[in-house]
Amino acid sequence: MNAILTILLLTLFVVLHEFGHYISARRSKIAVSEFFVGFGPKLFSFKRNNTEYGLKAILLGGYVKIPGMDENEPVSDYKSDELFHTASWTKKLYIASSGILVNFFLAWIILFSIFAFYGIDQPTLKIATIGDSITDPNDDAPSKKAGLLPGDIIYSFNGSEVQSWEELVSIIEVNPEKNVSIGYIRNSQMYLTTTTLESRIFNNEPTGYLGVSPVLERQTLGLLQAIPATTLIEIDMTKAAIKGIFTLFNPSTLEALLGTYTGEEVPDEVRPLSPIGLAQAGNQIAEGGYVNLFSLLAFVNIFLAVFNSIPLVPLDGGRIVLALYEGITGKKIEDKKLYPIAAVVIFIFVFLGITAFYLDITQPIRL
């Protein structure tokens, strides 16, 4: 059920992204020839004001078609001033950026609603679980070797006091395969133990791993407090999405994904997710509460916004760059000159999409 909910909400977010393009085009008096929910075979449609609206069989998104997006495409039934390529650079910028802004706005609204009406779960230095005991009961994590137990409170690491979970994680991550000392409190008594951290690959780099998860404490926020908190979290998520995009298009990542078809295992942290994988992730995350699911969906909106901001045609970011170039120089770049770039971009995206579906079917993601 939660997997279906995730897919439906993902479809809604994509449709709202396209609706942003639709509204901005209409407001700019630029024609919209089609606005469909879904892809594949058409189920039904109707036409109004020279726009065909409808529903298609595969509910994994939607699209808006604006005549003249390519100046060489054949168009009919539209006046010259209704076409995208004849519009002013400011209208092109407005139309191209509107979908991206909608996704950022949706993410902000979701996060604000969570903070204002639910609160925020803050990680503490109190240990909730040890190792990968849920997915692998036989896991022998460094935390187990150190003798740590759920309920222990970590207060120092390598002789330095730690004040927050984030500070602890940052120290652990930069010490792979290092022997470390850990100060902790158990039953009001202070203890000191040692262990050797494991090294795990994250973003193609060795990262220290102890094997503990924190107890979360809920902190309620007022409406005024929720505004800056939401904005800061959205900025952090945007940075994470940008980092994820660079990781995804890293040559070593693409090489690892090619290994999928020769039977090699692909690390979860570098694999792309198809809607099927996102549904799998949403279903697992929702087991911990719907707040976790909606936090994931907020990040999905941000990732959609960042992904579409890539400055390459045929993505929105490419159209934004072309509009700005036209505004600055007063010159247009002919669409046919961009065909080779668009072809390469589409090829890479098709490869990533097929690989994501293949992985999500043959190697379902486990969080």
Protein backbone atom coordinates (compact mmCIF):
# COMPACT_ATOMS: atom_id res chain seq x y z
CA MET A 1 0.00 0.00 0.00
CA ASN A 2 2.79 2.43 0.90
CA ALA A 3 4.58 1.55 -2.36
CA ILE A 4 1.45 2.48 -4.33
CA LEU A 5 1.12 5.71 -2.33
CA THR A 6 4.74 6.57 -3.15
CA ILE A 7 4.16 6.03 -6.88
CA LEU A 8 0.96 8.10 -6.86
CA LEU A 9 2.64 10.98 -5.05
CA LEU A 10 5.64 10.80 -7.38
CA THR A 11 3.25 11.05 -10.32
CA LEU A 12 1.53 14.00 -8.67
CA PHE A 13 4.84 15.83 -8.19
CA VAL A 14 5.84 15.31 -11.83
CA VAL A 15 2.40 16.46 -13.01
CA LEU A 16 2.64 19.56 -10.80
CA HIS A 17 6.09 20.24 -12.27
CA GLU A 18 4.53 20.13 -15.72
CA PHE A 19 1.60 22.20 -14.49
CA GLY A 20 4.14 24.91 -13.61
CA HIS A 21 5.24 24.96 -17.26
CA TYR A 22 1.60 24.96 -18.35
CA ILE A 23 0.59 27.93 -16.17
CA SER A 24 3.66 29.99 -17.06
CA ALA A 25 3.10 29.35 -20.77
CA ARG A 26 -0.54 30.33 -20.52
CA ARG A 27 0.30 33.47 -18.57
CA SER A 28 2.89 34.34 -21.23
CA LYS A 29 0.29 33.77 -23.99
CA ILE A 30 2.34 30.89 -25.40
CA ALA A 31 0.36 27.93 -26.74
CA VAL A 32 0.19 24.51 -25.07
CA SER A 33 -0.81 21.75 -27.48
CA GLU A 34 -0.97 18.82 -25.00
CA PHE A 35 -1.19 18.24 -21.26
CA PHE A 36 -1.32 14.55 -20.33
CA VAL A 37 -1.08 12.62 -17.09
CA GLY A 38 0.85 9.38 -17.66
CA PHE A 39 2.59 7.88 -20.68
CA GLY A 40 1.90 5.15 -23.21
CA PRO A 41 -1.49 4.33 -24.75
CA LYS A 42 -4.10 7.06 -24.48
CA LEU A 43 -7.10 6.18 -22.30
CA PHE A 44 -9.14 9.29 -22.99
CA SER A 45 -8.74 12.95 -23.86
CA PHE A 46 -10.64 16.11 -24.67
CA LYS A 47 -9.72 19.36 -26.37
CA ARG A 48 -10.33 22.86 -25.07
CA ASN A 49 -8.88 26.20 -26.20
CA ASN A 50 -6.61 24.41 -28.69
CA THR A 51 -5.07 22.22 -25.94
CA GLU A 52 -5.62 18.46 -25.68
CA TYR A 53 -5.96 17.22 -22.09
CA GLY A 54 -6.00 13.55 -21.21
CA LEU A 55 -4.93 10.45 -19.31
CA LYS A 56 -2.56 7.72 -20.47
CA ALA A 57 -2.19 4.16 -19.25
CA ILE A 58 1.19 4.26 -17.46
CA LEU A 59 0.79 6.55 -14.45
CA LEU A 60 4.45 7.36 -13.90
CA GLY A 61 4.38 11.10 -14.47
CA GLY A 62 3.04 13.34 -17.17
CA TYR A 63 4.05 15.91 -19.74
CA VAL A 64 3.21 19.23 -21.35
CA LYS A 65 3.91 19.88 -25.02
CA ILE A 66 4.59 23.50 -26.05
CA PRO A 67 4.67 24.14 -29.82
CA GLY A 68 7.90 25.66 -31.11
CA MET A 69 10.10 24.31 -28.32
CA ASP A 70 12.25 23.23 -31.27
CA GLU A 71 12.25 25.93 -33.92
CA ASN A 72 12.53 23.29 -36.67
CA GLU A 73 9.49 21.23 -35.66
CA PRO A 74 6.39 21.53 -37.86
CA VAL A 75 3.60 23.52 -36.22
CA SER A 76 0.10 24.34 -37.38
CA ASP A 77 -2.99 26.00 -35.97
CA TYR A 78 -0.85 28.42 -33.97
CA LYS A 79 0.11 32.00 -34.59
CA SER A 80 3.78 32.94 -34.73
CA ASP A 81 3.61 34.87 -31.44
CA GLU A 82 2.16 31.77 -29.70
CA LEU A 83 5.29 29.67 -30.33
CA PHE A 84 8.03 29.14 -27.76
CA HIS A 85 10.98 29.93 -30.05
CA THR A 86 9.52 33.31 -31.06
CA ALA A 87 8.88 34.38 -27.44
CA SER A 88 11.09 36.91 -25.66
CA TRP A 89 14.01 35.58 -23.64
CA THR A 90 12.26 36.59 -20.40
CA LYS A 91 9.20 34.49 -21.28
CA LYS A 92 11.43 31.54 -22.19
CA LEU A 93 13.25 31.89 -18.87
CA TYR A 94 9.95 32.07 -16.99
CA ILE A 95 8.49 29.01 -18.72
CA ALA A 96 11.66 26.91 -18.47
CA SER A 97 12.27 27.65 -14.77
CA SER A 98 8.66 27.38 -13.54
CA GLY A 99 8.64 23.59 -13.17
CA ILE A 100 11.86 23.66 -11.16
CA LEU A 101 10.46 26.35 -8.86
CA VAL A 102 7.29 24.29 -8.34
CA ASN A 103 9.32 21.29 -7.12
CA PHE A 104 11.39 23.45 -4.75
CA PHE A 105 8.16 25.01 -3.45
CA LEU A 106 6.50 21.60 -2.94
CA ALA A 107 9.53 20.37 -0.99
CA TRP A 108 9.43 23.48 1.19
CA ILE A 109 5.71 23.04 1.92
CA ILE A 110 6.17 19.37 2.84
CA LEU A 111 9.10 20.10 5.16
CA PHE A 112 7.37 23.11 6.72
CA SER A 113 4.26 21.01 7.43
CA ILE A 114 6.40 18.34 9.11
CA PHE A 115 8.25 20.86 11.29
CA ALA A 116 5.22 22.97 12.17
CA PHE A 117 2.71 20.20 12.95
CA TYR A 118 4.85 17.20 13.89
CA GLY A 119 8.19 18.56 14.98
CA ILE A 120 11.64 17.27 14.20
CA ASP A 121 13.34 14.11 15.41
CA GLN A 122 16.83 15.04 16.51
CA PRO A 123 19.50 12.32 16.86
CA THR A 124 21.10 12.12 20.29
CA LEU A 125 24.32 10.51 21.49
CA LYS A 126 22.31 7.71 23.13
CA ILE A 127 22.63 4.42 21.24
CA ALA A 128 19.43 2.87 19.87
CA THR A 129 20.80 -0.13 17.95
CA ILE A 130 24.13 -1.83 17.44
CA GLY A 131 25.44 -2.93 14.02
CA ASP A 132 23.15 -4.20 11.27
CA SER A 133 21.16 -6.34 13.69
CA ILE A 134 17.91 -5.86 11.76
CA THR A 135 19.15 -6.94 8.30
CA ASP A 136 22.01 -9.16 9.46
CA PRO A 137 21.70 -10.69 12.95
CA ASN A 138 25.20 -12.19 12.63
CA ASP A 139 26.79 -8.84 11.86
CA ASP A 140 30.00 -8.36 13.85
CA ALA A 141 30.26 -4.56 13.73
CA PRO A 142 33.07 -2.60 15.46
CA SER A 143 30.51 -1.36 18.00
CA LYS A 144 29.85 -4.96 19.09
CA LYS A 145 33.55 -5.66 19.40
CA ALA A 146 33.83 -2.56 21.58
CA GLY A 147 31.17 -3.93 23.93
CA LEU A 148 28.72 -1.09 23.35
CA LEU A 149 25.04 -1.74 24.08
CA PRO A 150 21.74 -0.01 23.29
CA GLY A 151 21.14 2.67 25.93
CA ASP A 152 24.81 3.63 26.26
CA ILE A 153 25.55 7.33 25.83
CA ILE A 154 28.71 8.25 23.93
CA TYR A 155 30.43 11.31 25.36
CA SER A 156 33.93 11.19 23.85
CA PHE A 157 35.74 9.84 20.80
CA ASN A 158 39.51 9.52 20.54
CA GLY A 159 39.92 11.58 23.69
CA SER A 160 37.80 14.52 22.52
CA GLU A 161 34.36 15.32 23.90
CA VAL A 162 31.54 15.14 21.37
CA GLN A 163 28.52 17.43 21.70
CA SER A 164 26.21 16.09 18.99
CA TRP A 165 25.49 13.07 16.84
CA GLU A 166 26.54 15.00 13.71
CA GLU A 167 29.93 15.73 15.28
CA LEU A 168 30.37 12.06 16.19
CA VAL A 169 29.51 10.90 12.67
CA SER A 170 31.90 13.41 11.08
CA ILE A 171 34.77 12.05 13.19
CA ILE A 172 33.91 8.40 12.54
CA GLU A 173 33.71 8.91 8.77
CA VAL A 174 37.28 10.24 8.47
CA ASN A 175 38.84 7.37 10.42
CA PRO A 176 38.35 4.19 8.35
CA GLU A 177 40.32 1.18 9.60
CA LYS A 178 41.69 3.23 12.51
CA ASN A 179 41.92 2.03 16.10
CA VAL A 180 39.82 4.45 18.17
CA SER A 181 38.83 5.01 21.79
CA ILE A 182 35.22 5.61 22.81
CA GLY A 183 34.03 7.07 26.08
CA TYR A 184 30.48 6.13 27.08
CA ILE A 185 28.08 6.26 30.01
CA ARG A 186 26.15 3.20 31.20
CA ASN A 187 23.97 3.23 34.31
CA SER A 188 25.48 6.60 35.32
CA GLN A 189 29.00 5.12 35.22
CA MET A 190 31.67 6.31 32.77
CA TYR A 191 33.63 3.73 30.75
CA LEU A 192 36.31 3.74 28.08
CA THR A 193 36.66 1.14 25.32
CA THR A 194 38.57 0.70 22.07
CA THR A 195 37.80 -0.82 18.68
CA THR A 196 38.92 -0.71 15.06
CA LEU A 197 36.54 0.99 12.66
CA GLU A 198 35.54 -0.73 9.45
CA SER A 199 36.00 0.89 6.05
CA ARG A 200 32.95 1.09 3.80
CA ILE A 201 32.71 2.73 0.38
CA PHE A 202 30.42 5.77 0.28
CA ASN A 203 30.38 8.11 -2.72
CA ASN A 204 33.35 6.13 -4.07
CA GLU A 205 35.47 6.95 -1.01
CA PRO A 206 36.47 4.82 2.02
CA THR A 207 34.42 5.93 5.01
CA GLY A 208 34.70 4.93 8.65
CA TYR A 209 31.95 2.71 10.08
CA LEU A 210 31.26 2.03 13.77
CA GLY A 211 27.81 0.44 13.59
CA VAL A 212 25.54 2.40 15.91
CA SER A 213 22.29 4.26 15.38
CA PRO A 214 21.02 7.07 17.64
CA VAL A 215 17.96 7.41 19.81
CA LEU A 216 15.78 10.16 18.34
CA GLU A 217 14.10 12.84 20.45
CA ARG A 218 11.28 14.89 19.03
CA GLN A 219 11.64 18.65 19.20
CA THR A 220 8.53 20.73 18.49
CA LEU A 221 8.84 23.96 16.52
CA GLY A 222 6.56 26.98 16.41
CA LEU A 223 5.39 28.37 13.08
CA LEU A 224 8.01 31.13 13.11
CA GLN A 225 10.77 28.67 14.06
CA ALA A 226 9.65 26.28 11.33
CA ILE A 227 10.31 28.82 8.55
CA PRO A 228 14.12 29.13 8.96
CA ALA A 229 14.41 25.44 9.91
CA THR A 230 12.61 24.45 6.71
CA THR A 231 14.76 26.73 4.60
CA LEU A 232 18.01 25.44 6.11
CA ILE A 233 16.99 21.80 5.65
CA GLU A 234 15.98 22.48 2.06
CA ILE A 235 19.38 24.07 1.41
CA ASP A 236 21.11 21.00 2.93
CA MET A 237 18.94 18.66 0.84
CA THR A 238 19.73 20.68 -2.28
CA LYS A 239 23.47 20.34 -1.58
CA ALA A 240 22.99 16.59 -1.09
CA ALA A 241 21.05 16.35 -4.37
CA ILE A 242 23.78 18.24 -6.24
CA LYS A 243 26.40 15.94 -4.75
CA GLY A 244 24.26 12.95 -5.76
CA ILE A 245 24.03 14.21 -9.35
CA PHE A 246 27.82 14.58 -9.58
CA THR A 247 28.22 11.08 -8.12
CA LEU A 248 25.71 9.64 -10.59
CA PHE A 249 27.49 11.09 -13.61
CA ASN A 250 30.97 10.29 -12.33
CA PRO A 251 32.80 8.10 -14.90
CA SER A 252 33.55 5.50 -12.21
CA THR A 253 29.84 5.32 -11.36
CA LEU A 254 28.86 4.87 -15.01
CA GLU A 255 31.51 2.16 -15.31
CA ALA A 256 30.10 0.42 -12.22
CA LEU A 257 26.60 0.60 -13.70
CA LEU A 258 27.86 -0.98 -16.92
CA GLY A 259 29.07 -3.86 -14.77
CA THR A 260 25.43 -4.54 -13.92
CA TYR A 261 25.08 -6.39 -17.20
CA THR A 262 28.04 -8.67 -16.51
CA GLY A 263 26.70 -9.75 -13.13
CA GLU A 264 28.65 -7.36 -10.91
CA GLU A 265 27.08 -6.02 -7.71
CA VAL A 266 26.35 -2.28 -7.75
CA PRO A 267 26.63 -0.41 -4.39
CA ASP A 268 23.31 1.08 -3.27
CA GLU A 269 24.88 4.50 -2.72
CA VAL A 270 25.70 4.97 -6.42
CA ARG A 271 22.78 3.27 -8.15
CA PRO A 272 19.96 5.30 -9.68
CA LEU A 273 16.39 4.54 -8.63
CA SER A 274 13.51 3.97 -10.99
CA PRO A 275 9.91 4.53 -9.83
CA ILE A 276 9.95 0.85 -8.81
CA GLY A 277 13.00 1.42 -6.60
CA LEU A 278 11.50 4.56 -5.16
CA ALA A 279 8.35 2.60 -4.32
CA GLN A 280 10.49 -0.06 -2.63
CA ALA A 281 12.34 2.61 -0.63
CA GLY A 282 9.09 4.40 0.26
CA ASN A 283 7.50 1.16 1.45
CA GLN A 284 10.45 0.42 3.75
CA ILE A 285 10.80 3.98 5.03
CA ALA A 286 7.06 4.25 5.76
CA GLU A 287 7.43 1.38 8.25
CA GLY A 288 9.16 3.91 10.49
CA GLY A 289 6.29 6.39 10.14
CA TYR A 290 4.73 8.54 7.45
CA VAL A 291 6.87 11.49 8.52
CA ASN A 292 9.87 9.56 7.20
CA LEU A 293 8.04 8.85 3.95
CA PHE A 294 7.11 12.49 3.41
CA SER A 295 10.65 13.57 4.24
CA LEU A 296 11.80 11.24 1.46
CA LEU A 297 9.21 12.74 -0.89
CA ALA A 298 10.44 16.24 -0.04
CA PHE A 299 13.92 15.14 -1.09
CA VAL A 300 12.47 13.59 -4.26
CA ASN A 301 11.04 16.98 -5.19
CA ILE A 302 14.39 18.64 -4.58
CA PHE A 303 16.18 15.99 -6.62
CA LEU A 304 13.69 16.50 -9.48
CA ALA A 305 14.35 20.24 -9.32
CA VAL A 306 18.14 19.84 -9.27
CA PHE A 307 18.11 17.17 -11.97
CA ASN A 308 16.01 19.34 -14.27
CA SER A 309 18.39 22.24 -13.58
CA ILE A 310 21.29 20.46 -15.30
CA PRO A 311 22.34 23.04 -17.93
CA LEU A 312 22.01 20.72 -20.92
CA VAL A 313 19.24 20.48 -23.49
CA PRO A 314 16.64 19.02 -23.56
CA LEU A 315 16.39 19.58 -19.78
CA ASP A 316 14.88 22.74 -18.32
CA GLY A 317 18.33 23.87 -17.21
CA GLY A 318 19.49 23.85 -20.82
CA ARG A 319 16.54 26.04 -21.83
CA ILE A 320 17.33 28.41 -18.96
CA VAL A 321 20.95 28.77 -20.14
CA LEU A 322 19.82 29.42 -23.72
CA ALA A 323 17.33 32.07 -22.54
CA LEU A 324 20.00 33.80 -20.44
CA TYR A 325 22.47 33.67 -23.35
CA GLU A 326 19.88 35.28 -25.58
CA GLY A 327 19.16 37.94 -22.98
CA ILE A 328 22.84 38.78 -22.45
CA THR A 329 24.06 38.67 -26.06
CA GLY A 330 20.88 39.37 -28.00
CA LYS A 331 21.63 36.29 -30.13
CA LYS A 332 19.96 32.89 -30.40
CA ILE A 333 21.70 29.54 -30.75
CA GLU A 334 20.13 27.51 -33.53
CA ASP A 335 18.39 24.40 -32.22
CA LYS A 336 19.96 22.15 -34.85
CA LYS A 337 23.42 22.98 -33.46
CA LEU A 338 22.32 21.51 -30.14
CA TYR A 339 21.05 18.20 -31.57
CA PRO A 340 24.34 16.29 -30.95
CA ILE A 341 24.41 17.40 -27.29
CA ALA A 342 20.74 16.53 -26.84
CA ALA A 343 21.32 13.10 -28.42
CA VAL A 344 24.18 12.30 -26.01
CA VAL A 345 22.17 13.51 -23.00
CA ILE A 346 19.15 11.43 -24.04
CA PHE A 347 21.36 8.36 -24.60
CA ILE A 348 22.85 8.65 -21.10
CA PHE A 349 19.43 9.18 -19.53
CA VAL A 350 17.97 6.18 -21.36
CA PHE A 351 20.92 4.06 -20.18
CA LEU A 352 20.45 5.22 -16.58
CA GLY A 353 16.69 4.64 -16.76
CA ILE A 354 16.96 1.11 -18.16
CA THR A 355 19.72 0.24 -15.69
CA ALA A 356 17.69 1.61 -12.77
CA PHE A 357 14.66 -0.51 -13.72
CA TYR A 358 16.87 -3.57 -14.22
CA LEU A 359 18.56 -3.15 -10.83
CA ASP A 360 15.31 -2.48 -9.00
CA ILE A 361 13.84 -5.70 -10.41
CA THR A 362 16.89 -7.96 -10.06
CA GLN A 363 18.48 -6.39 -6.96
CA PRO A 364 15.69 -4.74 -4.93
CA ILE A 365 17.04 -1.97 -2.73
CA ARG A 366 17.18 -2.63 1.01
CA LEU A 367 17.48 0.31 3.41
